[in-house]
Amino acid sequence: MQSAVATGTSKRSGMWWSGAVLSGLLGLFLLWDGGMKVIKHPMVVKATVGAGFPENTIVPIGIALVVSVILYAIPRTAVLGCVLLTGYLGGAVATDVRLNEQAGLWSAIVFGILVWLGLWLREPRLRNLLPLR
């Protein structure tokens, strides 16, 4: 059996491609969300302040999200990025519970599940650690 390193090629499975596409789409959306916070778009400022956060926290929250997504996109740091995104989305869930906003609550929960699913599909070591039986 030849190794991918020796031949310089590697064959990506359908599972890996599914995970990469899912992770990429989620990452693009979350980068857009983080970018809107970093530039302090008026709609984001209104929503964030309306949720009870001080305006001076919007940019740091956006930076934390952008950094987490970048870490999630890099294979070597993807697990760290996924853990950080889980924390970020957990904060979104807590805020939505406090505000009794069902739509935001469920979207944050679904995003959290999809972030882990995307990583699980593209990372065989994670599949070994968390097998679905």
N, C-alpha and C. Protein backbone atom coordinates (compact mmCIF):
# COMPACT_ATOMS: atom_id res chain seq x y z
N MET A 1 0.84 -1.17 0.00
CA MET A 1 0.00 0.00 0.00
C MET A 1 0.89 1.24 0.00
N GLN A 2 0.63 2.17 -0.88
CA GLN A 2 1.42 3.40 -0.94
C GLN A 2 0.80 4.45 -0.03
N SER A 3 1.65 5.24 0.57
CA SER A 3 1.12 6.30 1.43
C SER A 3 0.93 7.56 0.60
N ALA A 4 0.05 8.42 1.08
CA ALA A 4 -0.21 9.68 0.38
C ALA A 4 1.02 10.58 0.40
N VAL A 5 1.82 10.47 1.44
CA VAL A 5 3.02 11.31 1.54
C VAL A 5 4.04 10.90 0.49
N ALA A 6 4.19 9.59 0.29
CA ALA A 6 5.19 9.11 -0.66
C ALA A 6 4.84 9.48 -2.10
N THR A 7 3.56 9.44 -2.44
CA THR A 7 3.17 9.71 -3.81
C THR A 7 2.86 11.17 -4.06
N GLY A 8 2.69 11.94 -2.99
CA GLY A 8 2.38 13.35 -3.16
C GLY A 8 0.92 13.61 -3.47
N THR A 9 0.11 12.58 -3.44
CA THR A 9 -1.32 12.75 -3.69
C THR A 9 -2.10 12.14 -2.55
N SER A 10 -3.28 12.62 -2.38
CA SER A 10 -4.18 12.02 -1.39
C SER A 10 -5.58 12.04 -1.97
N LYS A 11 -6.29 10.99 -1.71
CA LYS A 11 -7.65 10.89 -2.21
C LYS A 11 -8.60 11.30 -1.09
N ARG A 12 -9.42 12.27 -1.36
CA ARG A 12 -10.40 12.74 -0.38
C ARG A 12 -11.69 11.96 -0.57
N SER A 13 -12.25 11.53 0.54
CA SER A 13 -13.49 10.76 0.49
C SER A 13 -14.69 11.70 0.32
N GLY A 14 -15.80 11.11 -0.03
CA GLY A 14 -17.04 11.87 -0.12
C GLY A 14 -17.42 12.46 1.23
N MET A 15 -17.11 11.72 2.30
CA MET A 15 -17.39 12.21 3.64
C MET A 15 -16.58 13.48 3.92
N TRP A 16 -15.30 13.46 3.54
CA TRP A 16 -14.45 14.63 3.76
C TRP A 16 -14.98 15.83 2.98
N TRP A 17 -15.34 15.61 1.71
CA TRP A 17 -15.86 16.71 0.89
C TRP A 17 -17.16 17.27 1.46
N SER A 18 -18.03 16.39 1.95
CA SER A 18 -19.28 16.85 2.57
C SER A 18 -18.98 17.73 3.77
N GLY A 19 -18.04 17.29 4.59
CA GLY A 19 -17.65 18.07 5.76
C GLY A 19 -17.01 19.39 5.39
N ALA A 20 -16.18 19.37 4.34
CA ALA A 20 -15.52 20.60 3.90
C ALA A 20 -16.53 21.61 3.38
N VAL A 21 -17.50 21.15 2.60
CA VAL A 21 -18.53 22.05 2.07
C VAL A 21 -19.38 22.61 3.21
N LEU A 22 -19.82 21.73 4.11
CA LEU A 22 -20.63 22.17 5.24
C LEU A 22 -19.85 23.16 6.10
N SER A 23 -18.61 22.82 6.43
CA SER A 23 -17.77 23.71 7.24
C SER A 23 -17.52 25.04 6.53
N GLY A 24 -17.31 24.98 5.22
CA GLY A 24 -17.07 26.19 4.45
C GLY A 24 -18.27 27.12 4.44
N LEU A 25 -19.45 26.56 4.23
CA LEU A 25 -20.66 27.38 4.22
C LEU A 25 -20.92 28.01 5.59
N LEU A 26 -20.78 27.20 6.63
CA LEU A 26 -20.95 27.73 7.99
C LEU A 26 -19.90 28.79 8.28
N GLY A 27 -18.66 28.52 7.88
CA GLY A 27 -17.58 29.46 8.11
C GLY A 27 -17.82 30.79 7.41
N LEU A 28 -18.29 30.74 6.17
CA LEU A 28 -18.57 31.98 5.44
C LEU A 28 -19.65 32.80 6.14
N PHE A 29 -20.71 32.14 6.57
CA PHE A 29 -21.77 32.86 7.26
C PHE A 29 -21.26 33.47 8.57
N LEU A 30 -20.51 32.68 9.34
CA LEU A 30 -20.00 33.18 10.62
C LEU A 30 -18.96 34.28 10.42
N LEU A 31 -18.15 34.19 9.36
CA LEU A 31 -17.21 35.29 9.04
C LEU A 31 -17.97 36.57 8.70
N TRP A 32 -19.04 36.42 7.94
CA TRP A 32 -19.88 37.58 7.60
C TRP A 32 -20.46 38.19 8.88
N ASP A 33 -20.97 37.34 9.77
CA ASP A 33 -21.53 37.80 11.03
C ASP A 33 -20.47 38.53 11.86
N GLY A 34 -19.30 37.91 11.98
CA GLY A 34 -18.22 38.54 12.74
C GLY A 34 -17.76 39.84 12.11
N GLY A 35 -17.67 39.86 10.79
CA GLY A 35 -17.26 41.08 10.09
C GLY A 35 -18.24 42.22 10.29
N MET A 36 -19.53 41.90 10.31
CA MET A 36 -20.55 42.93 10.56
C MET A 36 -20.41 43.51 11.97
N LYS A 37 -19.97 42.68 12.90
CA LYS A 37 -19.73 43.17 14.26
C LYS A 37 -18.46 44.04 14.30
N VAL A 38 -17.42 43.60 13.62
CA VAL A 38 -16.16 44.34 13.62
C VAL A 38 -16.34 45.74 13.03
N ILE A 39 -17.12 45.85 11.95
CA ILE A 39 -17.34 47.17 11.34
C ILE A 39 -18.47 47.94 12.02
N LYS A 40 -19.10 47.31 13.01
CA LYS A 40 -20.20 47.92 13.77
C LYS A 40 -21.32 48.42 12.86
N HIS A 41 -21.82 47.52 12.04
CA HIS A 41 -22.96 47.85 11.19
C HIS A 41 -24.11 48.32 12.09
N PRO A 42 -24.82 49.38 11.70
CA PRO A 42 -25.88 49.93 12.56
C PRO A 42 -26.94 48.89 12.98
N MET A 43 -27.28 47.98 12.09
CA MET A 43 -28.27 46.96 12.43
C MET A 43 -27.74 46.04 13.53
N VAL A 44 -26.45 45.71 13.46
CA VAL A 44 -25.83 44.85 14.47
C VAL A 44 -25.75 45.58 15.80
N VAL A 45 -25.38 46.86 15.76
CA VAL A 45 -25.31 47.66 16.99
C VAL A 45 -26.67 47.70 17.66
N LYS A 46 -27.71 47.95 16.89
CA LYS A 46 -29.07 48.04 17.44
C LYS A 46 -29.47 46.71 18.09
N ALA A 47 -29.22 45.61 17.39
CA ALA A 47 -29.61 44.29 17.91
C ALA A 47 -28.80 43.92 19.15
N THR A 48 -27.51 44.19 19.12
CA THR A 48 -26.64 43.81 20.24
C THR A 48 -26.95 44.64 21.49
N VAL A 49 -27.11 45.93 21.32
CA VAL A 49 -27.47 46.79 22.45
C VAL A 49 -28.86 46.41 22.95
N GLY A 50 -29.76 46.10 22.03
CA GLY A 50 -31.11 45.66 22.41
C GLY A 50 -31.11 44.37 23.20
N ALA A 51 -30.09 43.55 23.00
CA ALA A 51 -29.97 42.28 23.74
C ALA A 51 -29.33 42.49 25.10
N GLY A 52 -28.94 43.74 25.40
CA GLY A 52 -28.40 44.04 26.72
C GLY A 52 -26.89 44.11 26.81
N PHE A 53 -26.21 44.06 25.68
CA PHE A 53 -24.75 44.15 25.68
C PHE A 53 -24.33 45.60 25.50
N PRO A 54 -23.30 46.05 26.20
CA PRO A 54 -22.79 47.40 25.97
C PRO A 54 -22.20 47.51 24.55
N GLU A 55 -22.33 48.68 23.97
CA GLU A 55 -21.85 48.88 22.59
C GLU A 55 -20.35 48.63 22.46
N ASN A 56 -19.58 48.89 23.52
CA ASN A 56 -18.13 48.71 23.42
C ASN A 56 -17.70 47.24 23.41
N THR A 57 -18.64 46.32 23.53
CA THR A 57 -18.30 44.89 23.46
C THR A 57 -18.50 44.30 22.07
N ILE A 58 -19.09 45.05 21.18
CA ILE A 58 -19.44 44.50 19.86
C ILE A 58 -18.20 44.13 19.05
N VAL A 59 -17.22 45.01 18.96
CA VAL A 59 -16.01 44.72 18.18
C VAL A 59 -15.23 43.54 18.77
N PRO A 60 -14.99 43.49 20.09
CA PRO A 60 -14.29 42.31 20.63
C PRO A 60 -15.04 41.00 20.39
N ILE A 61 -16.36 41.04 20.47
CA ILE A 61 -17.14 39.83 20.19
C ILE A 61 -16.95 39.42 18.73
N GLY A 62 -16.97 40.39 17.82
CA GLY A 62 -16.75 40.11 16.40
C GLY A 62 -15.37 39.56 16.13
N ILE A 63 -14.36 40.13 16.78
CA ILE A 63 -12.99 39.64 16.60
C ILE A 63 -12.87 38.21 17.11
N ALA A 64 -13.47 37.93 18.27
CA ALA A 64 -13.44 36.57 18.81
C ALA A 64 -14.08 35.58 17.84
N LEU A 65 -15.19 35.99 17.22
CA LEU A 65 -15.86 35.11 16.27
C LEU A 65 -14.99 34.89 15.03
N VAL A 66 -14.43 35.94 14.48
CA VAL A 66 -13.59 35.82 13.28
C VAL A 66 -12.37 34.94 13.56
N VAL A 67 -11.71 35.14 14.69
CA VAL A 67 -10.55 34.32 15.04
C VAL A 67 -10.96 32.86 15.20
N SER A 68 -12.10 32.62 15.84
CA SER A 68 -12.57 31.24 16.03
C SER A 68 -12.84 30.56 14.69
N VAL A 69 -13.45 31.29 13.76
CA VAL A 69 -13.74 30.72 12.44
C VAL A 69 -12.45 30.43 11.68
N ILE A 70 -11.49 31.33 11.76
CA ILE A 70 -10.20 31.10 11.08
C ILE A 70 -9.53 29.85 11.65
N LEU A 71 -9.53 29.71 12.97
CA LEU A 71 -8.95 28.51 13.58
C LEU A 71 -9.70 27.26 13.15
N TYR A 72 -11.01 27.34 13.02
CA TYR A 72 -11.85 26.22 12.58
C TYR A 72 -11.52 25.82 11.15
N ALA A 73 -11.15 26.78 10.33
CA ALA A 73 -10.87 26.51 8.91
C ALA A 73 -9.50 25.88 8.68
N ILE A 74 -8.59 26.05 9.60
CA ILE A 74 -7.23 25.52 9.45
C ILE A 74 -7.20 24.10 10.03
N PRO A 75 -6.84 23.10 9.23
CA PRO A 75 -6.89 21.71 9.71
C PRO A 75 -6.16 21.47 11.04
N ARG A 76 -5.00 22.05 11.22
CA ARG A 76 -4.23 21.80 12.46
C ARG A 76 -4.91 22.37 13.70
N THR A 77 -5.72 23.43 13.54
CA THR A 77 -6.35 24.08 14.68
C THR A 77 -7.87 23.97 14.65
N ALA A 78 -8.38 23.08 13.80
CA ALA A 78 -9.83 22.98 13.61
C ALA A 78 -10.57 22.58 14.88
N VAL A 79 -10.00 21.69 15.67
CA VAL A 79 -10.68 21.27 16.89
C VAL A 79 -10.76 22.44 17.87
N LEU A 80 -9.67 23.18 18.04
CA LEU A 80 -9.68 24.36 18.90
C LEU A 80 -10.72 25.36 18.40
N GLY A 81 -10.75 25.61 17.10
CA GLY A 81 -11.73 26.53 16.54
C GLY A 81 -13.15 26.06 16.79
N CYS A 82 -13.37 24.76 16.68
CA CYS A 82 -14.70 24.20 16.91
C CYS A 82 -15.11 24.37 18.38
N VAL A 83 -14.19 24.15 19.29
CA VAL A 83 -14.48 24.34 20.72
C VAL A 83 -14.80 25.82 20.99
N LEU A 84 -14.02 26.72 20.41
CA LEU A 84 -14.28 28.15 20.60
C LEU A 84 -15.62 28.56 20.00
N LEU A 85 -15.96 28.03 18.83
CA LEU A 85 -17.26 28.32 18.22
C LEU A 85 -18.39 27.77 19.08
N THR A 86 -18.17 26.62 19.70
CA THR A 86 -19.18 26.05 20.60
C THR A 86 -19.42 27.00 21.77
N GLY A 87 -18.35 27.55 22.33
CA GLY A 87 -18.50 28.52 23.41
C GLY A 87 -19.23 29.77 22.95
N TYR A 88 -18.87 30.26 21.78
CA TYR A 88 -19.54 31.45 21.23
C TYR A 88 -21.03 31.19 21.03
N LEU A 89 -21.34 30.06 20.42
CA LEU A 89 -22.75 29.72 20.17
C LEU A 89 -23.49 29.42 21.47
N GLY A 90 -22.79 28.89 22.46
CA GLY A 90 -23.40 28.69 23.78
C GLY A 90 -23.80 30.02 24.41
N GLY A 91 -22.96 31.03 24.22
CA GLY A 91 -23.31 32.37 24.69
C GLY A 91 -24.54 32.91 23.97
N ALA A 92 -24.63 32.61 22.67
CA ALA A 92 -25.81 33.03 21.90
C ALA A 92 -27.06 32.33 22.42
N VAL A 93 -26.94 31.04 22.74
CA VAL A 93 -28.07 30.29 23.30
C VAL A 93 -28.49 30.91 24.63
N ALA A 94 -27.53 31.20 25.50
CA ALA A 94 -27.85 31.79 26.80
C ALA A 94 -28.55 33.13 26.64
N THR A 95 -28.08 33.95 25.71
CA THR A 95 -28.71 35.24 25.47
C THR A 95 -30.13 35.06 24.97
N ASP A 96 -30.33 34.13 24.04
CA ASP A 96 -31.67 33.90 23.49
C ASP A 96 -32.62 33.34 24.54
N VAL A 97 -32.13 32.50 25.43
CA VAL A 97 -32.97 31.99 26.53
C VAL A 97 -33.37 33.14 27.43
N ARG A 98 -32.41 33.99 27.76
CA ARG A 98 -32.70 35.14 28.63
C ARG A 98 -33.72 36.08 28.01
N LEU A 99 -33.64 36.25 26.69
CA LEU A 99 -34.56 37.15 25.99
C LEU A 99 -35.83 36.45 25.51
N ASN A 100 -35.91 35.13 25.74
CA ASN A 100 -37.05 34.32 25.30
C ASN A 100 -37.27 34.42 23.79
N GLU A 101 -36.18 34.31 23.03
CA GLU A 101 -36.24 34.36 21.57
C GLU A 101 -36.02 32.96 21.02
N GLN A 102 -37.11 32.31 20.65
CA GLN A 102 -37.05 30.92 20.22
C GLN A 102 -36.30 30.72 18.90
N ALA A 103 -36.51 31.61 17.94
CA ALA A 103 -35.86 31.44 16.63
C ALA A 103 -34.34 31.51 16.76
N GLY A 104 -33.86 32.49 17.48
CA GLY A 104 -32.41 32.62 17.68
C GLY A 104 -31.85 31.46 18.48
N LEU A 105 -32.62 31.00 19.46
CA LEU A 105 -32.19 29.87 20.29
C LEU A 105 -31.96 28.64 19.43
N TRP A 106 -32.93 28.30 18.61
CA TRP A 106 -32.81 27.08 17.80
C TRP A 106 -31.77 27.23 16.70
N SER A 107 -31.63 28.43 16.14
CA SER A 107 -30.60 28.58 15.10
C SER A 107 -29.20 28.42 15.70
N ALA A 108 -28.98 28.93 16.91
CA ALA A 108 -27.66 28.76 17.55
C ALA A 108 -27.39 27.30 17.88
N ILE A 109 -28.42 26.59 18.34
CA ILE A 109 -28.26 25.16 18.64
C ILE A 109 -27.94 24.38 17.36
N VAL A 110 -28.69 24.65 16.30
CA VAL A 110 -28.47 23.94 15.03
C VAL A 110 -27.08 24.28 14.48
N PHE A 111 -26.68 25.54 14.56
CA PHE A 111 -25.34 25.92 14.10
C PHE A 111 -24.27 25.16 14.87
N GLY A 112 -24.44 25.06 16.18
CA GLY A 112 -23.48 24.32 17.00
C GLY A 112 -23.36 22.86 16.58
N ILE A 113 -24.50 22.24 16.33
CA ILE A 113 -24.50 20.84 15.88
C ILE A 113 -23.83 20.73 14.51
N LEU A 114 -24.16 21.64 13.60
CA LEU A 114 -23.59 21.58 12.25
C LEU A 114 -22.09 21.85 12.23
N VAL A 115 -21.62 22.74 13.11
CA VAL A 115 -20.17 23.01 13.19
C VAL A 115 -19.44 21.73 13.56
N TRP A 116 -19.95 21.01 14.57
CA TRP A 116 -19.31 19.75 14.97
C TRP A 116 -19.48 18.67 13.90
N LEU A 117 -20.64 18.62 13.25
CA LEU A 117 -20.85 17.64 12.18
C LEU A 117 -19.87 17.88 11.04
N GLY A 118 -19.68 19.14 10.65
CA GLY A 118 -18.72 19.45 9.59
C GLY A 118 -17.32 19.00 9.93
N LEU A 119 -16.91 19.21 11.18
CA LEU A 119 -15.58 18.78 11.60
C LEU A 119 -15.51 17.26 11.68
N TRP A 120 -16.56 16.64 12.19
CA TRP A 120 -16.60 15.18 12.32
C TRP A 120 -16.47 14.51 10.95
N LEU A 121 -17.11 15.09 9.94
CA LEU A 121 -17.06 14.53 8.59
C LEU A 121 -15.67 14.68 7.96
N ARG A 122 -14.95 15.73 8.28
CA ARG A 122 -13.66 15.96 7.63
C ARG A 122 -12.46 15.54 8.47
N GLU A 123 -12.68 15.08 9.68
CA GLU A 123 -11.57 14.72 10.56
C GLU A 123 -11.70 13.29 11.07
N PRO A 124 -10.95 12.35 10.46
CA PRO A 124 -11.07 10.94 10.86
C PRO A 124 -10.71 10.68 12.32
N ARG A 125 -9.79 11.45 12.87
CA ARG A 125 -9.43 11.24 14.28
C ARG A 125 -10.61 11.56 15.20
N LEU A 126 -11.41 12.53 14.83
CA LEU A 126 -12.60 12.86 15.62
C LEU A 126 -13.65 11.75 15.48
N ARG A 127 -13.75 11.18 14.29
CA ARG A 127 -14.69 10.05 14.10
C ARG A 127 -14.27 8.86 14.94
N ASN A 128 -12.96 8.65 15.12
CA ASN A 128 -12.49 7.56 15.98
C ASN A 128 -12.79 7.86 17.44
N LEU A 129 -12.69 9.12 17.82
CA LEU A 129 -12.94 9.52 19.20
C LEU A 129 -14.43 9.52 19.53
N LEU A 130 -15.25 9.95 18.58
CA LEU A 130 -16.70 10.04 18.77
C LEU A 130 -17.42 9.24 17.69
N PRO A 131 -17.35 7.92 17.75
CA PRO A 131 -18.00 7.13 16.70
C PRO A 131 -19.52 7.15 16.84
N LEU A 132 -20.20 7.20 15.72
CA LEU A 132 -21.66 7.08 15.72
C LEU A 132 -21.99 5.62 15.50
N ARG A 133 -22.61 5.01 16.47
CA ARG A 133 -22.92 3.58 16.38
C ARG A 133 -24.39 3.35 16.39
